[in-house]
Protein backbone atom coordinates (compact mmCIF):
# COMPACT_ATOMS: atom_id res chain seq x y z
CA MET A 1 95.09 110.78 72.24
CA ALA A 2 96.87 108.93 74.72
CA VAL A 3 94.96 108.02 77.19
CA ALA A 4 95.56 104.04 77.36
CA ALA A 5 99.18 105.18 77.93
CA VAL A 6 98.07 107.24 80.88
CA LEU A 7 95.89 104.56 82.49
CA GLY A 8 99.32 102.33 82.44
CA ALA A 9 99.81 99.37 84.40
CA THR A 10 96.22 99.37 85.79
CA CYS A 11 94.68 98.93 82.17
CA ALA A 12 97.28 96.49 81.19
CA ALA A 13 96.27 94.15 83.55
CA HIS A 14 92.83 93.98 82.06
CA ALA A 15 93.67 94.71 78.20
CA GLN A 16 93.15 90.70 77.43
CA GLU A 17 90.79 89.83 79.85
CA VAL A 18 87.25 88.63 78.54
CA PRO A 19 84.55 89.02 81.65
CA GLN A 20 83.30 85.56 82.41
CA PRO A 21 80.17 86.23 84.51
CA SER A 22 79.37 83.34 87.32
CA THR A 23 75.80 83.49 85.99
CA MET A 24 74.91 84.23 82.27
CA ASP A 25 71.80 84.31 80.55
CA ALA A 26 71.15 83.53 77.34
CA GLN A 27 70.61 87.41 76.51
CA LEU A 28 73.95 88.15 78.18
CA LEU A 29 75.86 85.08 76.31
CA TYR A 30 74.18 86.30 73.25
CA GLN A 31 75.29 90.27 73.72
CA VAL A 32 78.82 89.37 74.68
CA LEU A 33 79.47 87.20 71.62
CA VAL A 34 78.06 89.72 69.26
CA ALA A 35 80.09 92.71 71.01
CA GLU A 36 83.31 90.59 70.86
CA MET A 37 82.94 89.74 67.00
CA GLU A 38 82.10 93.58 66.27
CA LEU A 39 85.19 94.37 68.26
CA ARG A 40 87.16 91.94 65.92
CA SER A 41 85.52 93.49 62.65
CA GLY A 42 86.89 96.92 63.78
CA ARG A 43 83.43 97.99 64.58
CA ALA A 44 84.61 99.29 68.72
CA GLY A 45 81.71 101.38 68.98
CA ASP A 46 78.93 98.95 68.34
CA ALA A 47 81.18 96.59 70.76
CA TYR A 48 81.17 99.26 73.24
CA GLN A 49 77.76 100.29 73.01
CA ILE A 50 76.53 96.70 73.22
CA ILE A 51 79.03 95.64 76.59
CA LEU A 52 77.69 98.79 78.31
CA ASP A 53 74.12 97.97 77.92
CA ALA A 54 74.98 94.36 79.07
CA ALA A 55 76.99 96.00 82.28
CA ARG A 56 73.92 98.44 83.17
CA ARG A 57 71.72 95.65 82.78
CA THR A 58 73.69 92.95 84.98
CA ARG A 59 75.34 96.03 87.20
CA ASP A 60 78.97 93.40 86.88
CA GLU A 61 82.26 95.30 87.18
CA GLY A 62 83.92 92.66 84.44
CA LEU A 63 81.22 94.12 82.00
CA PHE A 64 81.89 97.78 83.00
CA ARG A 65 86.00 97.11 82.68
CA ARG A 66 85.47 95.42 79.19
CA SER A 67 83.43 98.19 77.92
CA VAL A 68 86.03 100.99 79.37
CA GLU A 69 88.97 99.08 77.67
CA ILE A 70 87.03 98.60 74.51
CA ALA A 71 86.58 102.83 74.40
CA LEU A 72 90.33 102.95 75.60
CA GLN A 73 91.48 100.81 72.58
CA ALA A 74 89.28 102.84 70.08
CA ARG A 75 91.14 106.30 71.57
CA ALA A 76 87.45 107.42 72.57
CA GLY A 77 88.55 108.78 76.11
CA ASP A 78 84.62 110.53 76.72
CA GLN A 79 83.09 107.19 76.30
CA ALA A 80 85.14 105.54 78.51
CA LEU A 81 84.50 107.86 80.89
CA GLN A 82 80.40 107.88 80.33
CA ALA A 83 81.58 104.01 81.26
CA THR A 84 83.34 104.65 84.12
CA ARG A 85 80.61 106.83 85.95
CA ALA A 86 78.05 104.55 85.03
CA TRP A 87 80.16 101.75 86.42
CA ARG A 88 80.35 104.04 89.91
CA GLN A 89 76.70 104.49 89.55
CA ALA A 90 76.19 100.73 89.66
CA GLN A 91 79.06 100.28 92.01
CA PRO A 92 79.19 103.26 94.43
CA GLN A 93 81.50 101.42 96.54
CA SER A 94 84.22 99.97 93.57
CA GLY A 95 87.33 101.66 94.47
CA GLU A 96 88.51 100.57 90.81
CA ALA A 97 85.81 102.51 89.02
CA LEU A 98 86.52 105.38 91.21
CA ARG A 99 90.47 105.21 90.48
CA PHE A 100 89.58 104.55 86.73
CA GLU A 101 87.16 107.79 86.34
CA LEU A 102 90.04 109.63 88.29
CA GLN A 103 92.80 109.08 85.82
CA LEU A 104 90.48 109.34 82.67
CA LEU A 105 89.26 112.91 84.19
CA LEU A 106 93.06 113.77 84.32
CA ALA A 107 94.13 112.46 81.08
CA LEU A 108 91.68 114.46 79.58
CA HIS A 109 92.76 117.46 81.26
CA ARG A 110 89.47 118.09 82.82
CA GLY A 111 90.80 118.94 85.99
CA ASN A 112 87.72 121.09 86.90
CA GLU A 113 85.85 117.63 87.32
CA VAL A 114 88.09 116.15 89.63
CA ALA A 115 87.20 117.23 93.32
CA GLU A 116 84.79 114.76 93.83
CA PRO A 117 86.32 111.81 92.96
CA LEU A 118 89.80 113.08 94.45
CA ARG A 119 87.20 114.03 97.84
CA THR A 120 85.87 110.38 97.74
CA LEU A 121 89.25 108.96 97.09
CA LEU A 122 90.70 110.62 100.43
CA GLU A 123 87.99 109.75 102.37
CA ARG A 124 88.11 106.10 101.36
CA SER A 125 92.00 105.69 102.14
CA PRO A 126 93.02 103.94 105.19
CA GLU A 127 94.69 106.35 107.89
CA ALA A 128 98.28 104.69 107.48
CA GLU A 129 98.12 105.79 103.43
CA ARG A 130 96.28 108.77 103.56
CA PRO A 131 99.51 111.00 104.10
CA ALA A 132 101.35 109.68 101.00
CA LEU A 133 98.39 110.10 98.92
CA ILE A 134 98.17 113.42 99.89
CA GLY A 135 101.96 114.28 99.04
CA ALA A 136 101.38 112.67 95.75
CA LEU A 137 98.17 114.71 94.57
CA PRO A 138 100.56 117.62 93.19
CA ARG A 139 102.20 115.45 91.06
CA LEU A 140 98.87 113.68 89.99
CA LEU A 141 97.46 117.40 88.88
CA GLN A 142 100.69 118.94 87.74
CA ARG A 143 99.90 118.58 83.89
CA GLN A 144 96.11 120.36 84.07
CA ASP A 145 95.59 123.33 81.96
CA GLU A 146 94.89 125.65 84.81
CA PRO A 147 97.65 125.54 87.69
CA ARG A 148 95.82 128.27 89.79
CA GLN A 149 92.87 126.35 89.51
CA THR A 150 94.52 123.49 90.48
CA ALA A 151 96.02 125.14 93.41
CA GLN A 152 92.51 126.30 94.76
CA LEU A 153 91.20 122.82 94.57
CA LEU A 154 93.97 121.77 97.03
CA GLU A 155 93.66 124.32 99.02
CA ALA A 156 89.80 123.28 99.46
CA LEU A 157 90.36 119.94 99.45
CA LEU A 158 92.43 119.70 101.98
CA LYS A 159 91.27 121.88 104.00
CA PRO A 160 89.97 119.28 106.77
CA TYR A 161 93.34 117.41 106.54
CA VAL A 162 95.22 120.57 107.55
CA ALA A 163 92.93 120.27 110.83
CA ARG A 164 94.40 116.91 111.43
CA PRO A 165 97.47 116.41 113.07
CA ASP A 166 98.74 113.16 111.36
CA THR A 167 98.00 115.04 107.47
CA ARG A 168 98.42 118.76 108.81
CA THR A 169 102.57 118.96 107.56
CA VAL A 170 102.22 116.89 104.25
CA SER A 171 98.81 119.11 103.34
CA ARG A 172 100.57 122.92 104.00
CA VAL A 173 103.43 121.22 102.03
CA ALA A 174 101.53 120.06 98.96
CA GLN A 175 98.89 123.17 98.81
CA GLY A 176 102.32 125.09 98.74
CA SER A 177 103.98 122.72 95.83
CA ALA A 178 100.59 123.62 94.37
CA TRP A 179 100.57 127.17 94.39
CA LEU A 180 104.38 127.09 93.54
CA SER A 181 103.15 125.48 89.96
CA ALA A 182 100.65 128.29 89.88
CA GLY A 183 103.24 130.79 89.74
CA ASP A 184 102.34 132.13 93.63
CA ALA A 185 105.91 131.51 95.33
CA GLN A 186 105.01 133.80 98.41
CA ARG A 187 102.05 131.84 99.23
CA ALA A 188 104.30 128.95 98.73
CA LEU A 189 106.60 130.10 100.95
CA GLU A 190 104.03 130.80 103.70
CA LEU A 191 102.45 127.68 103.44
CA ALA A 192 106.40 126.20 103.84
CA ARG A 193 106.79 128.61 106.99
CA GLN A 194 103.71 126.82 108.57
CA ALA A 195 104.70 123.17 108.02
CA ALA A 196 107.97 123.84 108.94
CA ALA A 197 106.89 125.15 112.44
CA ASP A 198 104.28 122.16 112.81
CA ASP A 199 106.53 119.57 112.20
CA PRO A 200 110.39 121.14 112.36
CA ALA A 201 111.87 117.36 112.35
CA SER A 202 109.90 116.55 109.28
CA PRO A 203 112.15 117.14 105.91
CA ALA A 204 109.21 117.78 103.70
CA PRO A 205 108.84 121.59 103.86
CA ALA A 206 112.77 121.73 103.74
CA LEU A 207 111.90 119.86 100.45
CA LEU A 208 109.73 122.54 99.46
CA ALA A 209 111.65 125.62 99.90
CA LEU A 210 114.43 124.01 98.00
CA ASP A 211 111.97 124.10 95.20
CA LEU A 212 111.50 127.73 96.54
CA LEU A 213 115.09 128.92 96.26
CA PRO A 214 115.65 130.05 92.65
CA ARG A 215 112.63 132.25 93.34
CA GLN A 216 112.53 133.20 97.13
CA VAL A 217 115.89 133.84 98.61
CA ALA A 218 113.95 133.62 101.88
CA ALA A 219 113.35 130.30 101.74
CA ASP A 220 117.10 129.11 102.53
CA GLU A 221 116.62 130.16 106.43
CA LEU A 222 114.08 126.90 106.05
CA VAL A 223 116.43 125.05 104.53
CA ARG A 224 119.29 125.96 107.08
CA ARG A 225 116.88 125.55 110.15
CA TYR A 226 116.20 121.93 109.21
CA LEU A 227 119.86 120.87 108.40
CA GLU A 228 120.87 122.09 111.90
CA GLN A 229 118.89 119.78 113.42
CA PRO A 230 121.19 116.37 114.34
CA ASN A 231 118.69 114.08 112.91
CA ALA A 232 118.73 115.58 109.53
CA GLU A 233 118.57 113.49 106.60
CA PRO A 234 121.63 113.35 104.60
CA ALA A 235 119.67 113.15 101.07
CA VAL A 236 118.31 116.58 102.12
CA ARG A 237 121.72 118.09 102.36
CA LEU A 238 122.98 117.02 99.33
CA ALA A 239 119.84 118.22 97.72
CA TYR A 240 120.62 121.73 98.79
CA ALA A 241 124.04 121.49 97.95
CA ARG A 242 122.80 120.65 94.28
CA THR A 243 120.63 123.92 94.44
CA LEU A 244 123.12 125.87 95.64
CA SER A 245 125.72 124.99 93.01
CA ASN A 246 122.92 125.25 90.40
CA MET A 247 122.78 128.64 91.64
CA GLN A 248 126.47 128.89 91.53
CA ARG A 249 126.69 129.49 95.26
CA TYR A 250 129.86 127.06 95.29
CA GLY A 251 131.28 127.88 98.30
CA ASP A 252 128.25 127.44 100.16
CA ALA A 253 127.75 123.90 98.51
CA VAL A 254 130.85 122.44 99.54
CA GLN A 255 130.33 123.18 103.32
CA GLN A 256 127.27 121.32 103.28
CA VAL A 257 128.62 118.48 100.93
CA GLU A 258 131.61 118.48 103.26
CA GLN A 259 129.38 118.03 106.38
CA VAL A 260 128.02 114.31 104.83
CA THR A 261 131.45 113.26 103.78
CA GLN A 262 132.31 113.85 107.27
CA SER A 263 129.18 112.15 109.00
CA ARG A 264 128.79 109.39 106.44
CA PRO A 265 132.44 108.56 104.74
CA GLU A 266 131.19 105.66 103.35
CA LEU A 267 128.51 106.83 100.99
CA ALA A 268 130.26 107.59 97.66
CA PRO A 269 128.01 109.97 95.88
CA PRO A 270 128.81 112.86 97.68
CA TRP A 271 132.78 112.49 97.56
CA LEU A 272 131.94 112.85 93.25
CA MET A 273 129.99 115.99 94.31
CA LEU A 274 132.92 117.48 96.22
CA GLY A 275 135.41 116.95 93.78
CA ALA A 276 133.30 118.52 90.83
CA LEU A 277 132.64 121.96 93.15
CA ARG A 278 136.52 121.87 94.20
CA LEU A 279 137.13 121.94 91.09
CA GLU A 280 134.89 125.09 90.09
CA LEU A 281 136.64 126.66 93.01
CA ARG A 282 140.15 125.76 90.85
CA GLU A 283 141.44 123.50 94.13
CA PRO A 284 142.83 121.33 91.77
CA ALA A 285 144.60 119.05 94.68
CA ARG A 286 141.69 119.13 97.17
CA ALA A 287 139.47 118.15 93.99
CA GLU A 288 141.49 114.97 93.26
CA ALA A 289 141.91 114.07 96.66
CA ALA A 290 137.78 113.95 96.87
CA LEU A 291 137.71 112.23 93.40
CA GLN A 292 140.21 109.54 94.29
CA SER A 293 138.15 108.44 97.63
CA TYR A 294 134.80 108.11 95.24
CA LEU A 295 136.65 105.87 92.99
CA LYS A 296 137.70 103.62 95.71
CA LEU A 297 134.50 103.50 97.67
CA VAL A 298 132.72 102.59 94.44
CA ARG A 299 135.29 99.64 93.51
CA GLU A 300 134.63 98.20 97.09
CA GLN A 301 130.99 98.37 96.87
CA GLY A 302 130.31 97.87 93.20
CA ALA A 303 126.43 98.60 92.35
CA SER A 304 125.46 99.63 95.95
CA ALA A 305 127.80 102.60 95.77
CA SER A 306 125.26 104.43 92.95
CA GLU A 307 122.91 107.12 94.33
CA GLU A 308 119.54 106.24 95.75
CA GLY A 309 116.65 107.08 93.31
CA GLU A 310 118.70 106.46 90.27
CA ALA A 311 116.32 105.87 87.42
CA GLU A 312 119.06 103.73 85.30
CA PRO A 313 120.09 99.88 86.44
CA PRO A 314 122.90 100.04 89.37
CA ASP A 315 125.40 99.19 87.19
CA GLU A 316 124.93 101.94 84.74
CA ALA A 317 125.02 104.48 87.07
CA ARG A 318 127.99 103.02 88.28
CA GLN A 319 130.14 103.13 85.65
CA ARG A 320 128.71 106.60 84.63
CA GLY A 321 129.57 107.89 88.07
CA ILE A 322 133.14 106.33 87.10
CA THR A 323 133.81 108.15 83.80
CA GLN A 324 132.36 111.69 85.77
CA ALA A 325 135.31 111.04 88.21
CA GLN A 326 137.78 110.12 85.43
CA LEU A 327 136.88 113.60 83.26
CA LEU A 328 137.19 115.47 86.35
CA LEU A 329 140.13 113.84 87.15
CA ALA A 330 141.35 114.97 83.74
CA GLN A 331 140.41 118.51 84.48
CA ALA A 332 142.13 118.51 88.13
CA ALA A 333 145.37 117.53 86.02
CA GLU A 334 144.89 120.17 83.47
CA GLN A 335 144.46 122.97 86.26
CA ARG A 336 147.55 121.39 87.75
CA GLY A 337 149.36 121.68 84.45
CA ASP A 338 149.98 117.79 84.20
CA MET A 339 148.99 117.37 80.52
CA ALA A 340 150.43 114.02 80.66
CA GLN A 341 148.25 112.96 83.61
CA ALA A 342 145.38 114.14 81.96
CA GLU A 343 145.51 112.29 78.67
CA ARG A 344 146.01 108.92 81.11
CA TRP A 345 143.07 109.57 82.68
CA LEU A 346 141.27 110.40 79.40
CA ALA A 347 142.33 107.41 77.73
CA GLY A 348 141.16 104.99 80.28
CA ILE A 349 137.20 106.54 79.87
CA ASP A 350 135.83 103.95 77.07
CA ASP A 351 132.02 105.42 77.25
CA PRO A 352 130.14 106.08 73.28
CA GLN A 353 127.94 108.29 74.99
CA ARG A 354 130.91 110.61 76.57
CA LEU A 355 132.99 110.71 73.05
CA VAL A 356 132.56 114.49 72.64
CA GLU A 357 133.30 115.73 76.02
CA VAL A 358 136.38 113.25 76.09
CA GLN A 359 137.78 114.65 72.74
CA ALA A 360 137.03 118.01 73.44
CA ARG A 361 139.23 117.63 76.34
CA ARG A 362 141.78 115.73 74.13
CA ALA A 363 141.72 118.53 71.84
CA LEU A 364 142.43 121.05 74.79
CA LEU A 365 145.22 119.37 76.01
CA LEU A 366 146.71 119.35 72.77
CA ALA A 367 145.99 122.92 72.00
CA HIS A 368 147.61 123.78 75.53
CA GLN A 369 150.71 121.76 74.34
CA GLY A 370 150.83 124.11 71.36
CA ARG A 371 149.33 121.01 68.80
CA VAL A 372 146.43 123.41 67.65
CA ASP A 373 145.89 121.80 64.52
CA GLU A 374 145.96 118.27 66.14
CA GLY A 375 143.11 119.36 68.40
CA ARG A 376 140.81 120.84 65.84
CA ALA A 377 141.31 117.66 63.79
CA LEU A 378 139.97 115.79 66.83
CA LEU A 379 137.25 117.83 67.23
CA HIS A 380 136.33 117.88 63.06
CA ALA A 381 136.53 114.24 62.91
CA LEU A 382 133.26 113.89 65.67
CA PRO A 383 130.24 112.55 63.91
CA GLU A 384 127.24 114.58 62.58
CA ARG A 385 124.33 111.89 61.82
CA THR A 386 121.90 113.97 63.10
CA GLU A 387 121.32 117.83 63.49
CA GLU A 388 121.33 117.31 66.97
CA GLU A 389 125.11 115.44 66.60
CA ALA A 390 126.11 118.38 64.54
CA ARG A 391 125.24 121.37 67.00
CA THR A 392 127.02 119.36 69.86
CA LYS A 393 130.14 119.05 67.59
CA LEU A 394 129.49 122.61 67.10
CA MET A 395 129.30 123.85 70.63
CA ALA A 396 132.33 121.50 71.36
CA GLU A 397 134.20 123.43 69.08
CA VAL A 398 132.97 126.70 70.28
CA GLN A 399 134.31 126.23 73.53
CA TRP A 400 137.70 124.75 72.39
CA LEU A 401 138.21 127.97 70.75
CA ARG A 402 136.82 130.23 74.03
CA GLU A 403 139.16 128.13 76.06
CA LEU A 404 141.74 129.25 73.61
CA LYS A 405 140.91 132.61 73.42
CA ARG A 406 140.68 132.89 69.66
CA TRP A 407 137.93 135.35 69.45
CA PRO A 408 137.80 136.22 65.60
CA GLU A 409 137.10 132.31 64.98
CA THR A 410 134.82 131.88 67.76
CA TYR A 411 132.68 134.79 66.22
CA LYS A 412 132.85 133.60 62.85
CA LEU A 413 132.10 130.00 63.78
CA LEU A 414 128.92 131.37 65.58
CA ALA A 415 127.56 133.37 62.68
CA ARG A 416 127.63 130.52 60.54
CA ALA A 417 125.91 128.45 62.92
CA ASN A 418 123.31 130.99 63.26
CA GLU A 419 122.89 130.88 59.83
CA ARG A 420 122.30 127.05 60.09
CA PHE A 421 120.22 126.84 63.22
CA SER A 422 117.94 129.93 63.04
CA ALA A 423 116.54 131.59 66.06
CA ASP A 424 118.55 129.53 68.54
CA SER A 425 118.76 131.89 71.73
CA ASP A 426 121.67 129.72 73.18
CA LEU A 427 123.79 130.49 69.75
CA LEU A 428 122.90 134.05 69.63
CA TYR A 429 124.07 134.53 73.08
CA GLU A 430 127.21 133.14 72.53
CA GLN A 431 127.96 135.02 69.42
CA ALA A 432 127.28 138.03 71.43
CA MET A 433 129.61 137.29 74.04
CA ALA A 434 132.29 136.58 71.29
CA ALA A 435 131.38 140.21 69.76
CA GLU A 436 132.01 141.65 73.20
CA LYS A 437 135.77 139.85 73.25
CA LEU A 438 136.32 141.39 70.04
CA ASP A 439 135.07 145.29 70.95
CA ARG A 440 132.04 145.08 68.46
CA LEU A 441 129.81 146.53 71.45
CA ASP A 442 127.02 147.61 68.89
CA GLU A 443 126.69 144.04 67.23
CA MET A 444 126.90 142.35 70.95
CA GLU A 445 123.90 144.51 72.01
CA LYS A 446 121.96 143.99 68.80
CA LEU A 447 122.28 140.09 69.25
CA LEU A 448 121.58 140.30 72.97
CA ARG A 449 118.01 142.27 72.07
CA GLN A 450 117.37 139.35 69.81
CA VAL A 451 118.02 136.63 72.30
CA ILE A 452 115.72 138.62 74.71
CA ALA A 453 112.88 138.97 71.81
CA LEU A 454 113.32 134.59 71.40
CA LYS A 455 113.18 134.08 74.81
CA PRO A 456 112.33 136.84 77.41
CA ASP A 457 113.27 134.81 80.08
CA HIS A 458 117.12 134.74 79.34
CA GLN A 459 118.20 136.03 82.55
CA HIS A 460 121.76 136.14 81.00
CA ALA A 461 121.24 137.94 78.15
CA TYR A 462 119.53 140.54 80.41
CA ASN A 463 122.62 140.61 82.98
CA ALA A 464 124.84 140.61 79.92
CA LEU A 465 123.48 143.60 78.46
CA GLY A 466 123.17 145.45 81.71
CA TYR A 467 127.01 144.60 82.53
CA SER A 468 128.16 145.75 79.48
CA LEU A 469 126.40 149.15 79.84
CA ALA A 470 127.65 149.43 83.46
CA GLU A 471 131.44 148.41 82.47
CA ARG A 472 131.19 151.40 79.93
CA GLY A 473 129.55 153.60 81.78
CA GLN A 474 126.81 154.24 79.67
CA ARG A 475 123.01 154.23 80.29
CA LEU A 476 123.68 153.30 83.93
CA ASN A 477 119.85 153.79 84.68
CA GLU A 478 118.63 151.60 81.75
CA ALA A 479 121.74 149.09 83.11
CA ARG A 480 120.48 148.86 86.45
CA GLU A 481 117.04 147.93 85.09
CA LEU A 482 118.28 145.37 82.64
CA ILE A 483 120.42 143.53 85.63
CA VAL A 484 117.51 143.65 88.17
CA LYS A 485 115.16 142.09 85.89
CA ALA A 486 117.84 139.38 85.11
CA LEU A 487 117.72 139.16 89.16
CA GLU A 488 114.31 138.77 89.63
CA MET A 489 114.31 135.69 87.16
CA ALA A 490 117.18 134.41 89.09
CA PRO A 491 117.12 135.17 92.47
CA GLY A 492 120.78 134.59 94.36
CA ASP A 493 122.66 133.92 91.29
CA PRO A 494 125.71 135.75 92.39
CA PHE A 495 126.92 136.77 89.25
CA ILE A 496 123.98 138.80 88.68
CA ILE A 497 124.20 140.48 91.82
CA ASP A 498 127.89 141.11 91.25
CA SER A 499 126.28 143.10 88.29
CA LEU A 500 124.27 144.95 90.05
CA GLY A 501 126.57 145.51 92.45
CA TRP A 502 129.14 147.05 89.53
CA VAL A 503 126.30 149.40 88.31
CA GLU A 504 125.86 150.54 91.90
CA PHE A 505 129.51 151.74 91.91
CA ARG A 506 129.37 153.13 88.81
CA LEU A 507 126.25 155.22 89.97
CA GLY A 508 128.40 156.04 92.95
CA ARG A 509 126.45 154.28 95.64
CA ASN A 510 129.64 152.62 97.01
CA GLU A 511 128.27 151.27 100.52
CA GLU A 512 125.24 149.60 98.21
CA ALA A 513 127.95 148.24 95.90
CA LEU A 514 129.88 147.05 98.87
CA ARG A 515 127.05 145.05 100.68
CA LEU A 516 126.19 143.57 96.89
CA LEU A 517 129.47 142.49 95.91
CA GLN A 518 130.09 141.18 99.57
CA GLN A 519 127.15 138.94 99.28
CA ALA A 520 127.86 137.83 95.61
CA TYR A 521 131.87 136.99 96.97
CA ALA A 522 130.19 135.30 99.89
CA ALA A 523 128.51 133.22 97.91
CA ARG A 524 130.84 132.27 95.42
CA PRO A 525 134.64 133.65 95.24
CA ASP A 526 134.91 134.18 91.94
CA ILE A 527 138.34 135.83 90.81
CA GLU A 528 136.11 138.44 88.77
CA ILE A 529 133.70 139.11 91.65
CA ALA A 530 136.70 139.56 93.73
CA ALA A 531 138.21 141.89 91.11
CA HIS A 532 135.21 144.04 91.70
CA LEU A 533 135.10 143.73 95.79
CA GLY A 534 138.39 144.82 95.59
CA GLU A 535 138.15 147.82 93.91
CA VAL A 536 135.06 148.79 95.88
CA LEU A 537 137.35 148.36 98.72
CA TRP A 538 139.81 150.25 97.74
CA THR A 539 137.93 152.83 96.69
CA LEU A 540 136.25 153.35 100.03
CA GLY A 541 139.78 153.39 101.71
CA ARG A 542 139.82 149.39 102.91
CA ARG A 543 142.74 149.03 101.55
CA ASP A 544 144.66 146.41 103.63
CA GLU A 545 140.54 144.54 102.94
CA ALA A 546 141.01 144.88 99.13
CA ARG A 547 144.41 143.53 99.18
CA ARG A 548 143.30 140.50 101.09
CA VAL A 549 140.73 139.68 98.83
CA TRP A 550 142.82 140.07 95.83
CA ARG A 551 145.83 138.10 96.87
CA GLU A 552 142.68 135.48 97.31
CA ALA A 553 141.79 135.70 93.89
CA ARG A 554 145.31 135.60 92.19
CA GLY A 555 146.22 132.56 94.22
CA ARG A 556 143.29 130.88 92.43
CA ASP A 557 144.04 132.31 89.06
CA GLY A 558 146.64 134.87 88.47
CA ALA A 559 146.11 134.96 84.85
CA ASN A 560 142.59 136.36 84.92
CA GLU A 561 142.40 139.24 82.54
CA LEU A 562 139.94 141.29 84.56
CA LEU A 563 142.36 140.98 87.90
CA ARG A 564 144.98 141.82 86.35
CA SER A 565 143.64 144.98 84.53
CA THR A 566 142.23 145.80 87.48
CA LEU A 567 145.68 145.96 89.57
CA ALA A 568 147.64 147.75 86.83
CA ARG A 569 145.15 150.37 86.46
CA LEU A 570 145.01 151.24 90.11
CA LYS A 571 148.83 150.80 90.44
CA VAL A 572 148.45 148.06 93.32
CA ASP A 573 151.32 146.03 94.18
CA LEU A 574 150.36 143.17 96.13
């Protein structure tokens, strides 16, 4: 039991102290000396009992503290808790004893016993400090074994503070965070709404809504309403952009980041984010402009250009950002077809931790120049001293083969990988996608069902299987069920919404298909989503709109296979 680690600095500060009472009779002196001798001889249990008896007799806080420390050194959590409770009984006003008891209860996963010490801690905390304490409670309690019980505890514990104007908003947000951890996203959303109504200027309800967004699309409105305020914090807007990006809503994310770069152009990190998003949208020139702005600011500002809240040292964070910008600039040059410039950016990177990524991009550059064997040799030369390194190296080669559309080799490599790394759901999923490219659809379905069996919450496997059935016009009702299940796991994911729109189209529900595909395309103007949306518009007789969508998509990637095949099948000349 790592109880001592949980106590951290609090215990460390006292770990080497030997209590020295201001008055010590002969019996007490004898007890302390005997206890320390027992401890040095390895008999921690005897030492603990002697010191605790002395503490009870004298009601001395130093002796109680020492008894707790001896128990912790012996990894005897229950005995440490017993000593702490005796300490509180002897010294009811001791804040240190109260904190020790609470920390021990949490470390021992006895969350059902924390109500009293937590209530006492809240009552004793100064009014100015109480909101911060309330805000920290969900994190403090998050590792308990019964999340629903924890949420109910906070609901009851914070009820008096919901009635107070100075703690109402933070209390509701804390309750909402606990209910979210307990799996009740609807209850968390209700509390976020109430908190936002109480205090529209507070960022806390918006941040809770951001945590809800992947599961509760309705939370988006709360975040947007907060960001409409003139004094909305840029950090919340950037957090929203990251959430949108994780949901693959790149177009929406760009809008949010651009607002920050316009209002606070001196902040470096938003420019880096904007460059990455522009690349996702295949806008290399605009990506390069944003990334160059980032590098200029970083060089001018030094370590101060690092993002607030970085856990790593500022100089390391700065160098990590520069490396990321160089990798993205290489990718942008590659998108423009300027392989020489891409290689120059890669050559300027000197970061051992990014070696695989740099070599993978360099290998791709060589392959695009017809030097495939040289590119592959670069990947094969990567180290594989550990199983993790071997898997990373393997995935780099898989990605390289996929980029080159060498599907038979991709499939064979993944088949060998799945023999070596058994029960790896991600590798099985990749093999399934390679099987689909080879038109080995029965094999793809078998592999995807293996993925689902290994990882029942793998939304991409459900989506891929459902979309494959829809694309072939087979078992459409089952396809729809699979895709709906995927969407329940990842609400708002534009690719899954696209799949649902496509299966609705296959089922003949054209208006519903149009609604879904327009929603997906607005969130992410992806070429393949555009191909589907254009076809539904074309079928509905809205051909000018269809052509406009297809032209936009062709402008971003005219070589896309699905777009080209769709236009050819429908005999459309743009």
